[in-house]
């Protein structure tokens, strides 16, 4: 299978939630749209965290996937519990969920975040890795422990 979608696993995240906030901030500064997919509880936590990540005066613009179409189009970060057909963004998908998302070929890049110390999360990531590999995706590996920049 030849695909233009890039898949990357970012391992050893001390906090998936904090990593998602940092990535959203970084991509917003670069004017790159981000779609975040996760379980409803994680999406709710991320929604709250994005309101004040980095301090009380900071706000990382975002909306939920069920927002008005004009809001979705303008929002740099969209939070979802399930991928839907009406999503306007296709640059980066950040998967915080346990399963490999469906229909990832519509995204330029998929990032999978793996916890440093949650063995269940690490095992689920191994399953997702195998699923991506079985579909022919070349997978990039990034160890966040070795990362020296923010």
C-alpha atoms as a PDB file:
ATOM      1  CA  UNK A   1       0.000   0.000   0.000  1.00  0.00           C
ATOM      2  CA  UNK A   2       1.297   3.425  -0.917  1.00  0.00           C
ATOM      3  CA  UNK A   3      -0.116   6.283   1.079  1.00  0.00           C
ATOM      4  CA  UNK A   4       0.737   9.908   1.626  1.00  0.00           C
ATOM      5  CA  UNK A   5      -0.332   9.718   5.284  1.00  0.00           C
ATOM      6  CA  UNK A   6       2.579   9.768   7.716  1.00  0.00           C
ATOM      7  CA  UNK A   7       2.168   7.849  10.991  1.00  0.00           C
ATOM      8  CA  UNK A   8       4.308   8.652  14.024  1.00  0.00           C
ATOM      9  CA  UNK A   9       4.321   7.139  17.490  1.00  0.00           C
ATOM     10  CA  UNK A  10       5.492   9.469  20.255  1.00  0.00           C
ATOM     11  CA  UNK A  11       6.543   7.230  23.147  1.00  0.00           C
ATOM     12  CA  UNK A  12       7.114   7.837  26.843  1.00  0.00           C
ATOM     13  CA  UNK A  13       4.779  10.787  27.372  1.00  0.00           C
ATOM     14  CA  UNK A  14       4.648  11.535  31.107  1.00  0.00           C
ATOM     15  CA  UNK A  15       1.128  12.907  30.548  1.00  0.00           C
ATOM     16  CA  UNK A  16      -0.873  12.401  27.365  1.00  0.00           C
ATOM     17  CA  UNK A  17      -3.027  15.377  28.316  1.00  0.00           C
ATOM     18  CA  UNK A  18      -0.072  17.761  28.790  1.00  0.00           C
ATOM     19  CA  UNK A  19       1.514  16.492  25.583  1.00  0.00           C
ATOM     20  CA  UNK A  20      -1.705  17.138  23.655  1.00  0.00           C
ATOM     21  CA  UNK A  21      -1.795  20.711  25.003  1.00  0.00           C
ATOM     22  CA  UNK A  22       1.841  21.333  24.036  1.00  0.00           C
ATOM     23  CA  UNK A  23       1.260  19.930  20.571  1.00  0.00           C
ATOM     24  CA  UNK A  24      -1.875  22.053  20.100  1.00  0.00           C
ATOM     25  CA  UNK A  25       0.067  25.177  21.133  1.00  0.00           C
ATOM     26  CA  UNK A  26       2.959  24.354  18.825  1.00  0.00           C
ATOM     27  CA  UNK A  27       0.733  23.632  15.822  1.00  0.00           C
ATOM     28  CA  UNK A  28      -1.379  26.745  16.400  1.00  0.00           C
ATOM     29  CA  UNK A  29       1.800  28.839  16.336  1.00  0.00           C
ATOM     30  CA  UNK A  30       2.667  27.179  13.008  1.00  0.00           C
ATOM     31  CA  UNK A  31      -0.887  27.686  11.653  1.00  0.00           C
ATOM     32  CA  UNK A  32      -1.420  23.926  11.275  1.00  0.00           C
ATOM     33  CA  UNK A  33      -4.884  22.504  11.957  1.00  0.00           C
ATOM     34  CA  UNK A  34      -5.135  19.729  14.555  1.00  0.00           C
ATOM     35  CA  UNK A  35      -7.856  17.150  15.107  1.00  0.00           C
ATOM     36  CA  UNK A  36      -7.692  15.352  18.455  1.00  0.00           C
ATOM     37  CA  UNK A  37      -9.468  12.020  18.817  1.00  0.00           C
ATOM     38  CA  UNK A  38     -10.008  10.397  22.193  1.00  0.00           C
ATOM     39  CA  UNK A  39     -12.407   8.791  24.610  1.00  0.00           C
ATOM     40  CA  UNK A  40     -15.123  11.197  25.844  1.00  0.00           C
ATOM     41  CA  UNK A  41     -13.535  11.570  29.299  1.00  0.00           C
ATOM     42  CA  UNK A  42     -10.141  12.437  27.786  1.00  0.00           C
ATOM     43  CA  UNK A  43     -11.741  14.907  25.358  1.00  0.00           C
ATOM     44  CA  UNK A  44     -13.534  16.604  28.288  1.00  0.00           C
ATOM     45  CA  UNK A  45     -10.273  16.862  30.243  1.00  0.00           C
ATOM     46  CA  UNK A  46      -8.443  18.242  27.225  1.00  0.00           C
ATOM     47  CA  UNK A  47     -11.220  20.757  26.586  1.00  0.00           C
ATOM     48  CA  UNK A  48     -10.791  22.084  30.119  1.00  0.00           C
ATOM     49  CA  UNK A  49      -6.987  22.054  29.967  1.00  0.00           C
ATOM     50  CA  UNK A  50      -6.858  24.035  26.708  1.00  0.00           C
ATOM     51  CA  UNK A  51      -8.671  26.936  28.386  1.00  0.00           C
ATOM     52  CA  UNK A  52      -5.694  27.743  30.613  1.00  0.00           C
ATOM     53  CA  UNK A  53      -2.698  25.732  29.434  1.00  0.00           C
ATOM     54  CA  UNK A  54       0.460  27.630  30.324  1.00  0.00           C
ATOM     55  CA  UNK A  55      -1.250  30.029  32.715  1.00  0.00           C
ATOM     56  CA  UNK A  56      -4.549  31.639  33.518  1.00  0.00           C
ATOM     57  CA  UNK A  57      -4.263  34.230  30.737  1.00  0.00           C
ATOM     58  CA  UNK A  58      -3.540  31.744  27.962  1.00  0.00           C
ATOM     59  CA  UNK A  59      -6.244  30.131  25.866  1.00  0.00           C
ATOM     60  CA  UNK A  60      -5.682  27.666  23.054  1.00  0.00           C
ATOM     61  CA  UNK A  61      -8.536  28.095  20.593  1.00  0.00           C
ATOM     62  CA  UNK A  62     -10.496  24.916  20.033  1.00  0.00           C
ATOM     63  CA  UNK A  63     -13.988  23.524  19.551  1.00  0.00           C
ATOM     64  CA  UNK A  64     -15.806  20.207  19.623  1.00  0.00           C
ATOM     65  CA  UNK A  65     -16.582  18.273  16.478  1.00  0.00           C
ATOM     66  CA  UNK A  66     -20.292  18.979  16.792  1.00  0.00           C
ATOM     67  CA  UNK A  67     -19.791  22.762  16.566  1.00  0.00           C
ATOM     68  CA  UNK A  68     -21.375  24.898  13.866  1.00  0.00           C
ATOM     69  CA  UNK A  69     -19.654  24.331  10.473  1.00  0.00           C
ATOM     70  CA  UNK A  70     -18.279  27.898  10.385  1.00  0.00           C
ATOM     71  CA  UNK A  71     -16.758  27.447  13.854  1.00  0.00           C
ATOM     72  CA  UNK A  72     -15.251  24.103  12.834  1.00  0.00           C
ATOM     73  CA  UNK A  73     -13.702  25.678   9.749  1.00  0.00           C
ATOM     74  CA  UNK A  74     -12.060  28.500  11.736  1.00  0.00           C
ATOM     75  CA  UNK A  75     -10.988  26.510  14.781  1.00  0.00           C
ATOM     76  CA  UNK A  76      -7.307  25.496  14.768  1.00  0.00           C
ATOM     77  CA  UNK A  77      -7.992  22.527  17.072  1.00  0.00           C
ATOM     78  CA  UNK A  78     -11.033  20.254  16.924  1.00  0.00           C
ATOM     79  CA  UNK A  79     -11.797  17.749  19.695  1.00  0.00           C
ATOM     80  CA  UNK A  80     -13.651  14.536  18.819  1.00  0.00           C
ATOM     81  CA  UNK A  81     -14.694  11.220  20.286  1.00  0.00           C
ATOM     82  CA  UNK A  82     -15.398   9.795  16.813  1.00  0.00           C
ATOM     83  CA  UNK A  83     -14.325  10.804  13.312  1.00  0.00           C
ATOM     84  CA  UNK A  84     -17.155  12.089  11.176  1.00  0.00           C
ATOM     85  CA  UNK A  85     -17.524  12.896   7.490  1.00  0.00           C
ATOM     86  CA  UNK A  86     -18.093  16.658   7.951  1.00  0.00           C
ATOM     87  CA  UNK A  87     -14.674  17.428   9.412  1.00  0.00           C
ATOM     88  CA  UNK A  88     -12.995  20.324   7.531  1.00  0.00           C
ATOM     89  CA  UNK A  89      -9.413  19.693   8.706  1.00  0.00           C
ATOM     90  CA  UNK A  90      -7.072  17.058   7.312  1.00  0.00           C
ATOM     91  CA  UNK A  91      -3.570  18.130   8.324  1.00  0.00           C
ATOM     92  CA  UNK A  92      -2.809  16.415  11.644  1.00  0.00           C
ATOM     93  CA  UNK A  93      -4.764  13.825  13.613  1.00  0.00           C
ATOM     94  CA  UNK A  94      -3.651  13.239  17.202  1.00  0.00           C
ATOM     95  CA  UNK A  95      -5.017   9.932  18.483  1.00  0.00           C
ATOM     96  CA  UNK A  96      -5.323   9.697  22.254  1.00  0.00           C
ATOM     97  CA  UNK A  97      -7.698   6.739  22.065  1.00  0.00           C
ATOM     98  CA  UNK A  98      -7.118   3.046  22.584  1.00  0.00           C
ATOM     99  CA  UNK A  99      -8.022   1.988  19.032  1.00  0.00           C
ATOM    100  CA  UNK A 100      -6.564   2.788  15.638  1.00  0.00           C
ATOM    101  CA  UNK A 101      -8.848   5.381  14.038  1.00  0.00           C
ATOM    102  CA  UNK A 102     -10.706   4.546  10.855  1.00  0.00           C
ATOM    103  CA  UNK A 103     -10.334   6.611   7.697  1.00  0.00           C
ATOM    104  CA  UNK A 104      -6.879   7.956   8.555  1.00  0.00           C
ATOM    105  CA  UNK A 105      -5.887   8.223   4.891  1.00  0.00           C
ATOM    106  CA  UNK A 106      -7.662  11.589   4.708  1.00  0.00           C
ATOM    107  CA  UNK A 107      -5.056  13.069   7.092  1.00  0.00           C
ATOM    108  CA  UNK A 108      -1.553  14.157   6.098  1.00  0.00           C
ATOM    109  CA  UNK A 109      -0.138  13.049   9.457  1.00  0.00           C
ATOM    110  CA  UNK A 110      -1.321  10.835  12.309  1.00  0.00           C
ATOM    111  CA  UNK A 111       0.357  11.069  15.705  1.00  0.00           C
ATOM    112  CA  UNK A 112      -0.120   8.379  18.324  1.00  0.00           C
ATOM    113  CA  UNK A 113       0.874   9.295  21.880  1.00  0.00           C
ATOM    114  CA  UNK A 114       1.977   6.522  24.232  1.00  0.00           C
ATOM    115  CA  UNK A 115       2.225   6.874  28.017  1.00  0.00           C
ATOM    116  CA  UNK A 116       5.512   6.404  29.804  1.00  0.00           C
ATOM    117  CA  UNK A 117       4.150   4.358  32.688  1.00  0.00           C
ATOM    118  CA  UNK A 118       0.695   3.005  31.783  1.00  0.00           C
ATOM    119  CA  UNK A 119       1.288  -0.597  30.708  1.00  0.00           C
ATOM    120  CA  UNK A 120      -2.249  -1.032  29.355  1.00  0.00           C
ATOM    121  CA  UNK A 121      -1.800   2.054  27.169  1.00  0.00           C
ATOM    122  CA  UNK A 122       1.562   0.745  25.975  1.00  0.00           C
ATOM    123  CA  UNK A 123       0.034  -2.638  25.050  1.00  0.00           C
ATOM    124  CA  UNK A 124      -2.794  -0.911  23.162  1.00  0.00           C
ATOM    125  CA  UNK A 125      -0.163   1.147  21.314  1.00  0.00           C
ATOM    126  CA  UNK A 126       1.621  -2.053  20.290  1.00  0.00           C
ATOM    127  CA  UNK A 127      -1.659  -3.323  18.810  1.00  0.00           C
ATOM    128  CA  UNK A 128      -2.171  -0.059  16.922  1.00  0.00           C
ATOM    129  CA  UNK A 129       1.418  -0.214  15.646  1.00  0.00           C
ATOM    130  CA  UNK A 130       0.811  -3.724  14.294  1.00  0.00           C
ATOM    131  CA  UNK A 131      -2.452  -2.582  12.662  1.00  0.00           C
ATOM    132  CA  UNK A 132      -0.759   0.348  10.910  1.00  0.00           C
ATOM    133  CA  UNK A 133       2.112  -1.879   9.785  1.00  0.00           C
ATOM    134  CA  UNK A 134      -0.321  -4.505   8.457  1.00  0.00           C
ATOM    135  CA  UNK A 135      -1.929  -1.803   6.317  1.00  0.00           C
ATOM    136  CA  UNK A 136       1.480  -0.851   4.898  1.00  0.00           C
ATOM    137  CA  UNK A 137       2.108   2.407   6.735  1.00  0.00           C
ATOM    138  CA  UNK A 138       5.730   3.315   7.381  1.00  0.00           C
ATOM    139  CA  UNK A 139       5.883   4.266  11.056  1.00  0.00           C
ATOM    140  CA  UNK A 140       8.122   6.903  12.605  1.00  0.00           C
ATOM    141  CA  UNK A 141       9.182   6.430  16.205  1.00  0.00           C
ATOM    142  CA  UNK A 142       9.886   9.358  18.525  1.00  0.00           C
ATOM    143  CA  UNK A 143      11.040   8.798  22.088  1.00  0.00           C
ATOM    144  CA  UNK A 144       9.923  11.775  24.177  1.00  0.00           C
ATOM    145  CA  UNK A 145      12.384  10.935  26.954  1.00  0.00           C
ATOM    146  CA  UNK A 146      15.212  11.649  24.517  1.00  0.00           C
ATOM    147  CA  UNK A 147      13.582  14.921  23.425  1.00  0.00           C
ATOM    148  CA  UNK A 148      15.378  17.984  24.748  1.00  0.00           C
ATOM    149  CA  UNK A 149      13.179  20.757  23.362  1.00  0.00           C
ATOM    150  CA  UNK A 150       9.665  21.836  24.432  1.00  0.00           C
END
